[in-house]
Amino acid sequence: MEGTDKRREEIYAVSVRAGKRTYFFDVKETRQGDYYLTITESKKVFDKDGNSRFEKHKIFLYKEDFAKFQDGFTDVVGYIKRHKPEFFEQEAIEKAAEAEKSEDTETE
């Protein structure tokens, strides 16, 4: 049982804070020793009474799809960089994050 639990642990993890969202990239291992990736978006939301909870969306990505996923992701990010390069400028990113924080404060 202990070995099974250990295999379910994260092998490698990265989290990215992006405004009011956090993205988690977790590499995990199957019982057969293969790696897979989970990508989780976590967003703090408030109900009408002001109580908060985290809304999560998760994608599981398996080894047979790694290359195709990377190709598709690289393609669409490249498209955005060519057509909206300002989205990748640090100042624009920071302003967008600040605007999101202001919206959160107003809704609380």
C-alpha atoms as a PDB file:
ATOM      1  CA  MET A   1       0.000   0.000   0.000  1.00  0.00           C
ATOM      2  CA  GLU A   2       2.813   2.375   0.869  1.00  0.00           C
ATOM      3  CA  GLY A   3       4.414   1.917  -2.582  1.00  0.00           C
ATOM      4  CA  THR A   4       1.119   2.731  -4.268  1.00  0.00           C
ATOM      5  CA  ASP A   5       0.727   5.935  -2.265  1.00  0.00           C
ATOM      6  CA  LYS A   6       4.308   6.923  -3.003  1.00  0.00           C
ATOM      7  CA  ARG A   7       3.782   6.506  -6.767  1.00  0.00           C
ATOM      8  CA  ARG A   8       0.827   8.859  -6.612  1.00  0.00           C
ATOM      9  CA  GLU A   9       2.986  11.608  -5.167  1.00  0.00           C
ATOM     10  CA  GLU A  10       4.151  14.411  -7.375  1.00  0.00           C
ATOM     11  CA  ILE A  11       7.445  13.790  -9.134  1.00  0.00           C
ATOM     12  CA  TYR A  12       7.842  17.453 -10.076  1.00  0.00           C
ATOM     13  CA  ALA A  13       5.580  20.473  -9.645  1.00  0.00           C
ATOM     14  CA  VAL A  14       5.447  24.095 -10.733  1.00  0.00           C
ATOM     15  CA  SER A  15       2.821  26.670  -9.787  1.00  0.00           C
ATOM     16  CA  VAL A  16       2.198  29.911 -11.649  1.00  0.00           C
ATOM     17  CA  ARG A  17       0.287  32.778 -10.037  1.00  0.00           C
ATOM     18  CA  ALA A  18      -1.522  34.814 -12.656  1.00  0.00           C
ATOM     19  CA  GLY A  19      -3.780  37.502 -11.233  1.00  0.00           C
ATOM     20  CA  LYS A  20      -6.685  35.839  -9.451  1.00  0.00           C
ATOM     21  CA  ARG A  21      -5.822  32.454 -10.928  1.00  0.00           C
ATOM     22  CA  THR A  22      -3.131  29.949 -10.066  1.00  0.00           C
ATOM     23  CA  TYR A  23      -2.016  27.263 -12.485  1.00  0.00           C
ATOM     24  CA  PHE A  24      -0.477  24.048 -11.191  1.00  0.00           C
ATOM     25  CA  PHE A  25       1.634  21.807 -13.418  1.00  0.00           C
ATOM     26  CA  ASP A  26       2.200  18.462 -11.685  1.00  0.00           C
ATOM     27  CA  VAL A  27       4.187  15.520 -13.034  1.00  0.00           C
ATOM     28  CA  LYS A  28       2.967  12.241 -11.540  1.00  0.00           C
ATOM     29  CA  GLU A  29       3.814   8.594 -12.078  1.00  0.00           C
ATOM     30  CA  THR A  30       1.488   5.708 -12.964  1.00  0.00           C
ATOM     31  CA  ARG A  31       1.748   2.288 -11.343  1.00  0.00           C
ATOM     32  CA  GLN A  32       3.615   1.156 -14.473  1.00  0.00           C
ATOM     33  CA  GLY A  33       6.229   3.877 -14.019  1.00  0.00           C
ATOM     34  CA  ASP A  34       5.015   6.154 -16.836  1.00  0.00           C
ATOM     35  CA  TYR A  35       4.753   9.884 -16.266  1.00  0.00           C
ATOM     36  CA  TYR A  36       1.654  11.966 -16.844  1.00  0.00           C
ATOM     37  CA  LEU A  37       0.925  15.648 -16.378  1.00  0.00           C
ATOM     38  CA  THR A  38      -1.962  17.293 -14.612  1.00  0.00           C
ATOM     39  CA  ILE A  39      -2.675  20.946 -15.326  1.00  0.00           C
ATOM     40  CA  THR A  40      -4.992  22.574 -12.802  1.00  0.00           C
ATOM     41  CA  GLU A  41      -6.478  26.053 -12.928  1.00  0.00           C
ATOM     42  CA  SER A  42      -7.572  27.267  -9.498  1.00  0.00           C
ATOM     43  CA  LYS A  43      -9.589  30.449  -9.129  1.00  0.00           C
ATOM     44  CA  LYS A  44     -10.980  32.013  -5.972  1.00  0.00           C
ATOM     45  CA  VAL A  45     -14.676  32.835  -6.384  1.00  0.00           C
ATOM     46  CA  PHE A  46     -17.192  34.420  -4.051  1.00  0.00           C
ATOM     47  CA  ASP A  47     -20.850  33.579  -3.551  1.00  0.00           C
ATOM     48  CA  LYS A  48     -23.580  36.175  -3.012  1.00  0.00           C
ATOM     49  CA  ASP A  49     -22.910  36.143   0.760  1.00  0.00           C
ATOM     50  CA  GLY A  50     -19.232  36.939   0.290  1.00  0.00           C
ATOM     51  CA  ASN A  51     -18.020  33.457   1.188  1.00  0.00           C
ATOM     52  CA  SER A  52     -15.069  32.304  -0.866  1.00  0.00           C
ATOM     53  CA  ARG A  53     -14.223  28.950  -2.377  1.00  0.00           C
ATOM     54  CA  PHE A  54     -11.812  27.708  -5.003  1.00  0.00           C
ATOM     55  CA  GLU A  55     -13.118  26.641  -8.381  1.00  0.00           C
ATOM     56  CA  LYS A  56     -10.791  24.133 -10.039  1.00  0.00           C
ATOM     57  CA  HIS A  57     -10.493  22.761 -13.553  1.00  0.00           C
ATOM     58  CA  LYS A  58      -8.105  19.942 -14.309  1.00  0.00           C
ATOM     59  CA  ILE A  59      -6.618  18.407 -17.462  1.00  0.00           C
ATOM     60  CA  PHE A  60      -4.817  15.061 -17.481  1.00  0.00           C
ATOM     61  CA  LEU A  61      -2.187  14.717 -20.180  1.00  0.00           C
ATOM     62  CA  TYR A  62      -0.666  11.305 -20.883  1.00  0.00           C
ATOM     63  CA  LYS A  63       2.674  10.391 -22.457  1.00  0.00           C
ATOM     64  CA  GLU A  64       1.220   9.562 -25.874  1.00  0.00           C
ATOM     65  CA  ASP A  65      -0.113  13.126 -26.136  1.00  0.00           C
ATOM     66  CA  PHE A  66       2.870  15.136 -24.814  1.00  0.00           C
ATOM     67  CA  ALA A  67       4.382  15.979 -28.226  1.00  0.00           C
ATOM     68  CA  LYS A  68       1.029  16.811 -29.874  1.00  0.00           C
ATOM     69  CA  PHE A  69      -0.008  18.980 -26.942  1.00  0.00           C
ATOM     70  CA  GLN A  70       3.314  20.814 -26.950  1.00  0.00           C
ATOM     71  CA  ASP A  71       3.108  21.377 -30.717  1.00  0.00           C
ATOM     72  CA  GLY A  72      -0.421  22.769 -30.473  1.00  0.00           C
ATOM     73  CA  PHE A  73       0.392  24.942 -27.470  1.00  0.00           C
ATOM     74  CA  THR A  74       3.561  26.309 -29.092  1.00  0.00           C
ATOM     75  CA  ASP A  75       1.631  27.020 -32.297  1.00  0.00           C
ATOM     76  CA  VAL A  76      -1.153  29.031 -30.646  1.00  0.00           C
ATOM     77  CA  VAL A  77       1.205  30.948 -28.338  1.00  0.00           C
ATOM     78  CA  GLY A  78       3.341  31.802 -31.381  1.00  0.00           C
ATOM     79  CA  TYR A  79       0.239  33.057 -33.184  1.00  0.00           C
ATOM     80  CA  ILE A  80      -0.673  35.294 -30.253  1.00  0.00           C
ATOM     81  CA  LYS A  81       2.905  36.598 -29.980  1.00  0.00           C
ATOM     82  CA  ARG A  82       2.895  37.536 -33.674  1.00  0.00           C
ATOM     83  CA  HIS A  83      -0.521  39.215 -33.616  1.00  0.00           C
ATOM     84  CA  LYS A  84      -0.601  40.677 -30.088  1.00  0.00           C
ATOM     85  CA  PRO A  85       3.026  40.982 -28.911  1.00  0.00           C
ATOM     86  CA  GLU A  86       1.991  43.536 -26.307  1.00  0.00           C
ATOM     87  CA  PHE A  87       0.320  40.703 -24.349  1.00  0.00           C
ATOM     88  CA  PHE A  88       3.803  39.403 -23.553  1.00  0.00           C
ATOM     89  CA  GLU A  89       5.305  42.664 -22.326  1.00  0.00           C
ATOM     90  CA  GLN A  90       5.871  42.539 -18.568  1.00  0.00           C
ATOM     91  CA  GLU A  91       4.304  45.944 -17.922  1.00  0.00           C
ATOM     92  CA  ALA A  92       1.070  44.940 -19.674  1.00  0.00           C
ATOM     93  CA  ILE A  93       0.944  41.714 -17.694  1.00  0.00           C
ATOM     94  CA  GLU A  94       1.427  43.542 -14.397  1.00  0.00           C
ATOM     95  CA  LYS A  95      -1.294  46.090 -15.250  1.00  0.00           C
ATOM     96  CA  ALA A  96      -3.730  43.299 -16.085  1.00  0.00           C
ATOM     97  CA  ALA A  97      -2.963  41.580 -12.776  1.00  0.00           C
ATOM     98  CA  GLU A  98      -3.533  44.832 -10.874  1.00  0.00           C
ATOM     99  CA  ALA A  99      -6.839  45.386 -12.688  1.00  0.00           C
ATOM    100  CA  GLU A 100      -7.980  41.898 -11.672  1.00  0.00           C
ATOM    101  CA  LYS A 101      -7.034  42.582  -8.043  1.00  0.00           C
ATOM    102  CA  SER A 102      -9.070  45.817  -8.140  1.00  0.00           C
ATOM    103  CA  GLU A 103     -12.086  43.908  -9.465  1.00  0.00           C
ATOM    104  CA  ASP A 104     -11.751  41.383  -6.637  1.00  0.00           C
ATOM    105  CA  THR A 105     -11.649  44.154  -4.028  1.00  0.00           C
ATOM    106  CA  GLU A 106     -14.758  45.791  -5.482  1.00  0.00           C
ATOM    107  CA  THR A 107     -16.752  42.538  -5.389  1.00  0.00           C
ATOM    108  CA  GLU A 108     -15.936  41.716  -1.757  1.00  0.00           C
END
